[in-house]
Amino acid sequence: MVQPYVEISLTPTVTGSDLRLAVQLRGMVPEPYDDASGQPLANNGQAVLKTRLNFGDGSPPTGSDGGAVHCLEGAALAPVDMTWSYEGAFAHTYAAPGTYTATFTVSVCGLGDVSRAAEVTAH
């Protein structure tokens, strides 16, 4: 029997003090359900309940919230294959040169929070 799992890949690119982070998420997770409709969401590419990106420099983390969704015990597993690019929330400018640990956390049904970190050096 296949167990739920999530693999996170981070590809940081730093130019001077500017970080751009590409994130790829793959795995099999129980489908979350929309509170209003009662319908599964994973087939709509919404298998993620929320995301959080901590840049490691004391600045406020950024992320997203999946909204009014819930997990059902015993829900069918659905494949997850999502990619976020360098735009928007996954871009950051460090105020000072240094080495930082950027940590991306995703919350999914059946696993809770899963994190991956990448060390980045700002100049």
Protein backbone atom coordinates (compact mmCIF):
# COMPACT_ATOMS: atom_id res chain seq x y z
CA MET A 1 0.00 0.00 0.00
CA VAL A 2 1.34 3.43 -0.94
CA GLN A 3 1.86 5.77 2.00
CA PRO A 4 1.50 9.55 1.73
CA TYR A 5 4.76 11.36 0.97
CA VAL A 6 6.01 14.72 -0.25
CA GLU A 7 9.37 15.58 -1.79
CA ILE A 8 10.39 19.24 -1.93
CA SER A 9 13.13 20.55 -4.22
CA LEU A 10 14.48 24.07 -3.81
CA THR A 11 16.55 25.90 -6.41
CA PRO A 12 17.83 29.20 -5.02
CA THR A 13 19.43 31.84 -7.24
CA VAL A 14 21.12 34.78 -5.54
CA THR A 15 22.24 37.87 -7.44
CA GLY A 16 23.92 40.29 -5.06
CA SER A 17 21.43 40.50 -2.21
CA ASP A 18 18.39 39.36 -4.25
CA LEU A 19 17.10 35.82 -3.75
CA ARG A 20 14.86 34.10 -6.28
CA LEU A 21 13.62 30.68 -5.23
CA ALA A 22 12.08 27.98 -7.42
CA VAL A 23 10.14 25.32 -5.52
CA GLN A 24 9.00 21.94 -6.81
CA LEU A 25 6.67 19.69 -4.85
CA ARG A 26 5.97 16.06 -5.76
CA GLY A 27 4.33 13.20 -3.96
CA MET A 28 1.12 11.40 -3.07
CA VAL A 29 -1.17 12.94 -0.47
CA PRO A 30 -4.74 12.41 0.74
CA GLU A 31 -7.08 14.74 -1.11
CA PRO A 32 -8.26 17.75 0.87
CA TYR A 33 -11.94 18.66 0.59
CA ASP A 34 -13.57 22.04 0.08
CA ASP A 35 -15.69 22.97 3.10
CA ALA A 36 -18.41 24.63 1.00
CA SER A 37 -18.89 22.05 -1.74
CA GLY A 38 -17.63 18.90 -0.03
CA GLN A 39 -15.68 18.11 -3.21
CA PRO A 40 -12.06 16.92 -3.36
CA LEU A 41 -9.55 19.58 -4.40
CA ALA A 42 -6.34 17.70 -5.31
CA ASN A 43 -7.47 17.09 -8.87
CA ASN A 44 -7.70 20.86 -9.23
CA GLY A 45 -4.02 21.24 -8.26
CA GLN A 46 -4.97 22.32 -4.75
CA ALA A 47 -3.49 19.47 -2.72
CA VAL A 48 -1.57 21.93 -0.55
CA LEU A 49 -3.31 23.32 2.54
CA LYS A 50 -0.79 26.12 3.09
CA THR A 51 2.79 27.18 2.38
CA ARG A 52 5.30 29.21 4.36
CA LEU A 53 8.69 30.56 3.29
CA ASN A 54 11.08 31.80 5.96
CA PHE A 55 14.03 33.69 4.49
CA GLY A 56 16.25 33.17 7.56
CA ASP A 57 17.05 36.83 8.18
CA GLY A 58 14.40 37.73 10.74
CA SER A 59 12.04 39.25 8.18
CA PRO A 60 8.40 38.11 8.29
CA PRO A 61 7.78 34.80 6.50
CA THR A 62 5.55 34.74 3.45
CA GLY A 63 3.18 32.06 2.19
CA SER A 64 -0.33 31.07 1.28
CA ASP A 65 -3.37 29.58 2.95
CA GLY A 66 -5.53 27.04 1.12
CA GLY A 67 -8.67 28.55 2.56
CA ALA A 68 -11.70 26.65 3.78
CA VAL A 69 -10.50 23.09 3.27
CA HIS A 70 -10.29 20.08 5.52
CA CYS A 71 -8.73 16.63 5.60
CA LEU A 72 -10.80 13.44 5.71
CA GLU A 73 -9.48 10.33 7.38
CA GLY A 74 -9.08 7.59 4.78
CA ALA A 75 -9.32 9.96 1.79
CA ALA A 76 -7.94 8.67 -1.49
CA LEU A 77 -4.33 9.51 -2.30
CA ALA A 78 -3.80 11.90 -5.17
CA PRO A 79 -0.58 12.74 -7.02
CA VAL A 80 0.96 16.14 -6.41
CA ASP A 81 3.27 17.78 -8.95
CA MET A 82 3.47 21.52 -8.38
CA THR A 83 6.08 24.13 -9.28
CA TRP A 84 6.40 27.69 -8.08
CA SER A 85 8.71 30.06 -9.91
CA TYR A 86 10.85 32.98 -8.89
CA GLU A 87 8.02 35.48 -9.01
CA GLY A 88 6.10 37.15 -6.22
CA ALA A 89 6.33 35.58 -2.79
CA PHE A 90 9.42 33.57 -3.63
CA ALA A 91 11.60 36.62 -4.20
CA HIS A 92 13.41 38.45 -1.40
CA THR A 93 16.11 41.07 -0.93
CA TYR A 94 18.45 40.62 2.03
CA ALA A 95 19.29 43.82 3.93
CA ALA A 96 22.83 42.71 4.78
CA PRO A 97 25.45 40.41 3.25
CA GLY A 98 25.71 37.00 4.85
CA THR A 99 24.77 33.34 4.70
CA TYR A 100 21.13 32.56 5.43
CA THR A 101 18.97 29.46 5.60
CA ALA A 102 15.76 29.81 3.60
CA THR A 103 13.15 27.25 4.69
CA PHE A 104 10.06 26.31 2.67
CA THR A 105 7.28 24.51 4.56
CA VAL A 106 4.18 22.98 3.02
CA SER A 107 1.17 21.59 4.91
CA VAL A 108 -0.65 18.65 3.38
CA CYS A 109 -3.28 16.19 4.57
CA GLY A 110 -1.87 13.03 6.12
CA LEU A 111 1.57 14.49 6.76
CA GLY A 112 1.12 17.87 8.41
CA ASP A 113 4.07 20.21 7.88
CA VAL A 114 6.95 19.12 5.64
CA SER A 115 9.99 21.41 5.28
CA ARG A 116 13.07 21.76 3.12
CA ALA A 117 15.90 24.24 3.69
CA ALA A 118 18.51 25.76 1.39
CA GLU A 119 21.55 27.77 2.41
CA VAL A 120 21.96 31.00 0.45
CA THR A 121 24.71 33.62 0.48
CA ALA A 122 23.86 37.27 -0.13
CA HIS A 123 26.59 39.72 -1.13
